[in-house]
Amino acid sequence: MAVLAASEKQDAAFKFVAFGSTPENTAWWSQQTGYMPVRKSAVELPDLVAFYEANPQAKVAVDQLAQTRAQDAARVFVPNGDQIIGGGLERITINLEEVQPVFDEVNQTLTEEAEPVKETLEAL
């Protein structure tokens, strides 16, 4: 097996990404896997338009993408923030605990867990 030099690997990687992300290829991949196309322009291709007409459930996520938003900072920057929030939501939905006391506890835990992050940022 030949070993590629760093620039050859980079060139090969760029070619692969360019190939895999053409509108036609991402539309085909989306149809075959059920994942959303990685290019907006693929959604307008006749093949994908026809596929969505025949399989409207496949287009639900694409249609809802405009309604999404970035994750909140607590999930991203607070250590274990996602697990803390998710655990609180599970307590409410699965254990049927009262919402306000659970959210108060989640808020307190997030505040405590964020303190070292705040201290680090303030020290910069």
N, C-alpha and C. Protein backbone atom coordinates (compact mmCIF):
# COMPACT_ATOMS: atom_id res chain seq x y z
N MET A 1 0.84 -1.18 0.00
CA MET A 1 0.00 0.00 0.00
C MET A 1 0.89 1.24 0.00
N ALA A 2 0.64 2.14 -0.91
CA ALA A 2 1.44 3.36 -1.01
C ALA A 2 1.02 4.34 0.08
N VAL A 3 1.98 5.01 0.64
CA VAL A 3 1.73 6.03 1.65
C VAL A 3 1.73 7.38 0.95
N LEU A 4 0.65 8.13 1.15
CA LEU A 4 0.54 9.43 0.50
C LEU A 4 1.21 10.51 1.34
N ALA A 5 1.83 11.44 0.68
CA ALA A 5 2.40 12.60 1.35
C ALA A 5 1.26 13.47 1.86
N ALA A 6 1.54 14.33 2.83
CA ALA A 6 0.51 15.16 3.45
C ALA A 6 -0.29 15.96 2.42
N SER A 7 0.38 16.59 1.45
CA SER A 7 -0.34 17.39 0.46
C SER A 7 -1.20 16.50 -0.44
N GLU A 8 -0.74 15.29 -0.72
CA GLU A 8 -1.54 14.37 -1.53
C GLU A 8 -2.78 13.92 -0.77
N LYS A 9 -2.64 13.69 0.53
CA LYS A 9 -3.79 13.32 1.36
C LYS A 9 -4.80 14.46 1.39
N GLN A 10 -4.29 15.68 1.54
CA GLN A 10 -5.18 16.83 1.58
C GLN A 10 -5.91 16.98 0.25
N ASP A 11 -5.20 16.86 -0.85
CA ASP A 11 -5.82 16.95 -2.18
C ASP A 11 -6.88 15.85 -2.35
N ALA A 12 -6.54 14.63 -1.93
CA ALA A 12 -7.49 13.52 -2.04
C ALA A 12 -8.72 13.78 -1.18
N ALA A 13 -8.52 14.32 0.02
CA ALA A 13 -9.65 14.61 0.91
C ALA A 13 -10.56 15.67 0.30
N PHE A 14 -9.96 16.71 -0.28
CA PHE A 14 -10.76 17.76 -0.91
C PHE A 14 -11.56 17.20 -2.09
N LYS A 15 -10.94 16.35 -2.87
CA LYS A 15 -11.64 15.75 -4.01
C LYS A 15 -12.80 14.89 -3.54
N PHE A 16 -12.57 14.13 -2.47
CA PHE A 16 -13.64 13.27 -1.94
C PHE A 16 -14.81 14.11 -1.43
N VAL A 17 -14.51 15.16 -0.68
CA VAL A 17 -15.57 16.02 -0.15
C VAL A 17 -16.31 16.70 -1.30
N ALA A 18 -15.57 17.18 -2.29
CA ALA A 18 -16.21 17.82 -3.45
C ALA A 18 -17.12 16.83 -4.17
N PHE A 19 -16.65 15.60 -4.35
CA PHE A 19 -17.46 14.57 -5.01
C PHE A 19 -18.71 14.24 -4.19
N GLY A 20 -18.51 14.01 -2.90
CA GLY A 20 -19.62 13.59 -2.05
C GLY A 20 -20.64 14.67 -1.78
N SER A 21 -20.26 15.92 -1.96
CA SER A 21 -21.19 17.00 -1.64
C SER A 21 -21.77 17.71 -2.85
N THR A 22 -21.63 17.14 -4.02
CA THR A 22 -22.32 17.73 -5.17
C THR A 22 -23.82 17.60 -4.91
N PRO A 23 -24.62 18.49 -5.44
CA PRO A 23 -26.06 18.38 -5.23
C PRO A 23 -26.61 17.01 -5.63
N GLU A 24 -26.15 16.48 -6.75
CA GLU A 24 -26.65 15.18 -7.23
C GLU A 24 -26.28 14.05 -6.28
N ASN A 25 -25.05 14.04 -5.82
CA ASN A 25 -24.61 12.97 -4.93
C ASN A 25 -25.23 13.06 -3.54
N THR A 26 -25.38 14.29 -3.04
CA THR A 26 -26.01 14.41 -1.72
C THR A 26 -27.49 14.07 -1.80
N ALA A 27 -28.14 14.35 -2.94
CA ALA A 27 -29.54 13.96 -3.11
C ALA A 27 -29.66 12.43 -3.14
N TRP A 28 -28.78 11.78 -3.87
CA TRP A 28 -28.80 10.32 -3.93
C TRP A 28 -28.56 9.74 -2.54
N TRP A 29 -27.54 10.24 -1.86
CA TRP A 29 -27.20 9.75 -0.52
C TRP A 29 -28.37 9.93 0.44
N SER A 30 -29.03 11.07 0.36
CA SER A 30 -30.18 11.34 1.22
C SER A 30 -31.29 10.33 0.98
N GLN A 31 -31.57 10.04 -0.28
CA GLN A 31 -32.62 9.07 -0.61
C GLN A 31 -32.27 7.67 -0.11
N GLN A 32 -31.01 7.31 -0.19
CA GLN A 32 -30.58 5.96 0.18
C GLN A 32 -30.48 5.76 1.68
N THR A 33 -30.19 6.82 2.42
CA THR A 33 -29.93 6.68 3.85
C THR A 33 -31.04 7.22 4.75
N GLY A 34 -31.83 8.15 4.23
CA GLY A 34 -32.83 8.80 5.07
C GLY A 34 -32.30 10.04 5.77
N TYR A 35 -31.01 10.31 5.64
CA TYR A 35 -30.45 11.53 6.22
C TYR A 35 -30.82 12.73 5.35
N MET A 36 -30.77 13.91 5.96
CA MET A 36 -31.04 15.12 5.19
C MET A 36 -29.89 15.37 4.22
N PRO A 37 -30.19 15.96 3.08
CA PRO A 37 -29.10 16.31 2.15
C PRO A 37 -28.21 17.37 2.80
N VAL A 38 -26.93 17.31 2.46
CA VAL A 38 -25.98 18.24 3.07
C VAL A 38 -25.87 19.55 2.30
N ARG A 39 -26.61 19.67 1.23
CA ARG A 39 -26.64 20.92 0.46
C ARG A 39 -28.08 21.33 0.21
N LYS A 40 -28.37 22.60 0.43
CA LYS A 40 -29.71 23.11 0.19
C LYS A 40 -30.12 22.96 -1.27
N SER A 41 -29.15 23.13 -2.16
CA SER A 41 -29.47 23.07 -3.60
C SER A 41 -29.96 21.68 -4.01
N ALA A 42 -29.62 20.66 -3.26
CA ALA A 42 -30.05 19.30 -3.61
C ALA A 42 -31.56 19.15 -3.48
N VAL A 43 -32.16 19.89 -2.57
CA VAL A 43 -33.60 19.78 -2.32
C VAL A 43 -34.41 20.21 -3.55
N GLU A 44 -33.82 21.02 -4.41
CA GLU A 44 -34.51 21.53 -5.59
C GLU A 44 -34.33 20.65 -6.82
N LEU A 45 -33.50 19.63 -6.74
CA LEU A 45 -33.27 18.76 -7.90
C LEU A 45 -34.53 17.94 -8.20
N PRO A 46 -34.85 17.76 -9.47
CA PRO A 46 -36.06 17.02 -9.84
C PRO A 46 -36.15 15.62 -9.21
N ASP A 47 -35.03 14.91 -9.14
CA ASP A 47 -35.06 13.57 -8.55
C ASP A 47 -35.47 13.61 -7.08
N LEU A 48 -34.93 14.57 -6.35
CA LEU A 48 -35.25 14.65 -4.93
C LEU A 48 -36.66 15.20 -4.71
N VAL A 49 -37.08 16.14 -5.55
CA VAL A 49 -38.45 16.65 -5.48
C VAL A 49 -39.44 15.50 -5.68
N ALA A 50 -39.18 14.68 -6.68
CA ALA A 50 -40.05 13.52 -6.94
C ALA A 50 -40.01 12.53 -5.79
N PHE A 51 -38.83 12.32 -5.23
CA PHE A 51 -38.70 11.40 -4.09
C PHE A 51 -39.53 11.90 -2.91
N TYR A 52 -39.45 13.19 -2.62
CA TYR A 52 -40.21 13.76 -1.51
C TYR A 52 -41.72 13.69 -1.77
N GLU A 53 -42.13 13.85 -3.02
CA GLU A 53 -43.55 13.73 -3.34
C GLU A 53 -44.04 12.31 -3.10
N ALA A 54 -43.21 11.34 -3.44
CA ALA A 54 -43.58 9.93 -3.23
C ALA A 54 -43.39 9.50 -1.78
N ASN A 55 -42.52 10.18 -1.04
CA ASN A 55 -42.20 9.83 0.35
C ASN A 55 -42.22 11.09 1.21
N PRO A 56 -43.40 11.66 1.45
CA PRO A 56 -43.46 12.94 2.17
C PRO A 56 -42.85 12.89 3.58
N GLN A 57 -42.85 11.73 4.20
CA GLN A 57 -42.26 11.62 5.53
C GLN A 57 -40.75 11.89 5.49
N ALA A 58 -40.13 11.66 4.35
CA ALA A 58 -38.69 11.88 4.22
C ALA A 58 -38.34 13.37 4.21
N LYS A 59 -39.33 14.21 3.95
CA LYS A 59 -39.07 15.65 3.85
C LYS A 59 -39.39 16.40 5.14
N VAL A 60 -39.94 15.72 6.12
CA VAL A 60 -40.34 16.39 7.36
C VAL A 60 -39.17 17.11 8.01
N ALA A 61 -38.06 16.43 8.18
CA ALA A 61 -36.90 17.05 8.84
C ALA A 61 -36.37 18.22 8.02
N VAL A 62 -36.37 18.09 6.70
CA VAL A 62 -35.90 19.17 5.84
C VAL A 62 -36.80 20.40 6.01
N ASP A 63 -38.10 20.18 6.05
CA ASP A 63 -39.05 21.28 6.22
C ASP A 63 -38.91 21.94 7.59
N GLN A 64 -38.59 21.15 8.60
CA GLN A 64 -38.50 21.69 9.95
C GLN A 64 -37.16 22.35 10.25
N LEU A 65 -36.20 22.16 9.39
CA LEU A 65 -34.86 22.70 9.64
C LEU A 65 -34.88 24.21 9.86
N ALA A 66 -35.75 24.91 9.16
CA ALA A 66 -35.82 26.37 9.31
C ALA A 66 -36.27 26.78 10.71
N GLN A 67 -36.93 25.88 11.43
CA GLN A 67 -37.43 26.19 12.76
C GLN A 67 -36.41 25.89 13.86
N THR A 68 -35.30 25.25 13.50
CA THR A 68 -34.32 24.87 14.52
C THR A 68 -33.50 26.08 14.97
N ARG A 69 -32.85 25.92 16.08
CA ARG A 69 -31.97 26.98 16.58
C ARG A 69 -30.77 26.31 17.25
N ALA A 70 -29.76 27.10 17.47
CA ALA A 70 -28.55 26.58 18.10
C ALA A 70 -28.86 26.12 19.52
N GLN A 71 -28.08 25.17 20.01
CA GLN A 71 -28.26 24.72 21.39
C GLN A 71 -27.97 25.87 22.34
N ASP A 72 -28.63 25.82 23.49
CA ASP A 72 -28.40 26.86 24.48
C ASP A 72 -27.00 26.69 25.09
N ALA A 73 -26.49 27.78 25.62
CA ALA A 73 -25.12 27.80 26.14
C ALA A 73 -24.91 26.81 27.28
N ALA A 74 -25.94 26.58 28.10
CA ALA A 74 -25.78 25.66 29.23
C ALA A 74 -25.46 24.26 28.75
N ARG A 75 -26.07 23.82 27.67
CA ARG A 75 -25.79 22.49 27.14
C ARG A 75 -24.39 22.40 26.54
N VAL A 76 -23.91 23.51 26.01
CA VAL A 76 -22.64 23.51 25.29
C VAL A 76 -21.45 23.78 26.21
N PHE A 77 -21.56 24.78 27.08
CA PHE A 77 -20.40 25.24 27.82
C PHE A 77 -20.31 24.76 29.27
N VAL A 78 -21.42 24.37 29.87
CA VAL A 78 -21.38 23.88 31.24
C VAL A 78 -21.03 22.40 31.21
N PRO A 79 -20.00 21.99 31.93
CA PRO A 79 -19.66 20.57 31.94
C PRO A 79 -20.87 19.72 32.35
N ASN A 80 -21.17 18.74 31.55
CA ASN A 80 -22.32 17.84 31.77
C ASN A 80 -23.66 18.57 31.70
N GLY A 81 -23.68 19.76 31.11
CA GLY A 81 -24.91 20.54 31.04
C GLY A 81 -26.04 19.79 30.35
N ASP A 82 -25.71 19.10 29.27
CA ASP A 82 -26.73 18.35 28.54
C ASP A 82 -27.33 17.25 29.42
N GLN A 83 -26.49 16.56 30.18
CA GLN A 83 -26.97 15.50 31.05
C GLN A 83 -27.79 16.06 32.21
N ILE A 84 -27.38 17.21 32.73
CA ILE A 84 -28.12 17.83 33.83
C ILE A 84 -29.51 18.22 33.37
N ILE A 85 -29.59 18.89 32.23
CA ILE A 85 -30.89 19.31 31.70
C ILE A 85 -31.73 18.09 31.32
N GLY A 86 -31.11 17.14 30.61
CA GLY A 86 -31.83 15.93 30.21
C GLY A 86 -32.34 15.15 31.40
N GLY A 87 -31.52 15.06 32.45
CA GLY A 87 -31.96 14.36 33.65
C GLY A 87 -33.17 15.02 34.28
N GLY A 88 -33.16 16.35 34.29
CA GLY A 88 -34.33 17.07 34.82
C GLY A 88 -35.57 16.82 34.00
N LEU A 89 -35.42 16.85 32.69
CA LEU A 89 -36.57 16.60 31.81
C LEU A 89 -37.09 15.17 31.97
N GLU A 90 -36.19 14.22 32.17
CA GLU A 90 -36.62 12.84 32.41
C GLU A 90 -37.39 12.72 33.71
N ARG A 91 -36.94 13.41 34.75
CA ARG A 91 -37.65 13.38 36.03
C ARG A 91 -39.08 13.90 35.87
N ILE A 92 -39.24 14.92 35.02
CA ILE A 92 -40.56 15.50 34.81
C ILE A 92 -41.43 14.59 33.96
N THR A 93 -40.88 14.09 32.84
CA THR A 93 -41.71 13.33 31.90
C THR A 93 -41.87 11.86 32.27
N ILE A 94 -40.87 11.26 32.90
CA ILE A 94 -40.95 9.84 33.22
C ILE A 94 -41.41 9.62 34.66
N ASN A 95 -40.81 10.37 35.59
CA ASN A 95 -41.16 10.19 37.00
C ASN A 95 -42.35 11.04 37.42
N LEU A 96 -42.80 11.91 36.50
CA LEU A 96 -43.96 12.79 36.74
C LEU A 96 -43.76 13.70 37.95
N GLU A 97 -42.52 14.14 38.15
CA GLU A 97 -42.24 15.08 39.23
C GLU A 97 -42.76 16.46 38.86
N GLU A 98 -42.99 17.29 39.85
CA GLU A 98 -43.46 18.65 39.63
C GLU A 98 -42.41 19.45 38.87
N VAL A 99 -42.85 20.23 37.91
CA VAL A 99 -41.95 20.94 37.02
C VAL A 99 -41.09 21.97 37.74
N GLN A 100 -41.70 22.87 38.48
CA GLN A 100 -40.95 23.99 39.06
C GLN A 100 -39.85 23.54 40.02
N PRO A 101 -40.13 22.61 40.95
CA PRO A 101 -39.02 22.19 41.83
C PRO A 101 -37.87 21.53 41.06
N VAL A 102 -38.19 20.76 40.03
CA VAL A 102 -37.14 20.12 39.24
C VAL A 102 -36.33 21.18 38.50
N PHE A 103 -37.00 22.14 37.87
CA PHE A 103 -36.28 23.19 37.15
C PHE A 103 -35.46 24.05 38.11
N ASP A 104 -35.97 24.28 39.32
CA ASP A 104 -35.19 25.04 40.30
C ASP A 104 -33.90 24.29 40.64
N GLU A 105 -34.01 22.97 40.81
CA GLU A 105 -32.84 22.15 41.12
C GLU A 105 -31.87 22.11 39.94
N VAL A 106 -32.40 21.96 38.73
CA VAL A 106 -31.56 21.97 37.53
C VAL A 106 -30.83 23.31 37.42
N ASN A 107 -31.54 24.40 37.65
CA ASN A 107 -30.94 25.72 37.59
C ASN A 107 -29.81 25.85 38.61
N GLN A 108 -30.04 25.39 39.82
CA GLN A 108 -29.01 25.46 40.86
C GLN A 108 -27.78 24.64 40.48
N THR A 109 -28.01 23.44 39.98
CA THR A 109 -26.89 22.58 39.58
C THR A 109 -26.11 23.19 38.43
N LEU A 110 -26.82 23.72 37.43
CA LEU A 110 -26.14 24.36 36.31
C LEU A 110 -25.32 25.56 36.77
N THR A 111 -25.88 26.33 37.68
CA THR A 111 -25.18 27.50 38.21
C THR A 111 -23.89 27.08 38.92
N GLU A 112 -23.97 26.04 39.72
CA GLU A 112 -22.79 25.54 40.43
C GLU A 112 -21.75 24.99 39.46
N GLU A 113 -22.20 24.23 38.48
CA GLU A 113 -21.28 23.62 37.52
C GLU A 113 -20.65 24.66 36.59
N ALA A 114 -21.33 25.78 36.41
CA ALA A 114 -20.80 26.84 35.53
C ALA A 114 -19.76 27.70 36.22
N GLU A 115 -19.70 27.65 37.52
CA GLU A 115 -18.79 28.53 38.26
C GLU A 115 -17.33 28.38 37.85
N PRO A 116 -16.79 27.16 37.74
CA PRO A 116 -15.39 27.05 37.29
C PRO A 116 -15.17 27.60 35.88
N VAL A 117 -16.17 27.45 35.02
CA VAL A 117 -16.06 27.98 33.66
C VAL A 117 -16.00 29.51 33.71
N LYS A 118 -16.87 30.09 34.52
CA LYS A 118 -16.88 31.55 34.67
C LYS A 118 -15.55 32.04 35.21
N GLU A 119 -15.02 31.34 36.22
CA GLU A 119 -13.74 31.75 36.81
C GLU A 119 -12.61 31.69 35.77
N THR A 120 -12.62 30.65 34.97
CA THR A 120 -11.60 30.52 33.92
C THR A 120 -11.71 31.66 32.93
N LEU A 121 -12.92 31.97 32.51
CA LEU A 121 -13.12 33.04 31.53
C LEU A 121 -12.74 34.40 32.11
N GLU A 122 -13.05 34.60 33.36
CA GLU A 122 -12.72 35.89 34.02
C GLU A 122 -11.21 36.06 34.17
N ALA A 123 -10.50 34.95 34.31
CA ALA A 123 -9.04 35.00 34.48
C ALA A 123 -8.32 35.28 33.16
N LEU A 124 -9.00 35.16 32.05
CA LEU A 124 -8.35 35.39 30.76
C LEU A 124 -8.09 36.85 30.48
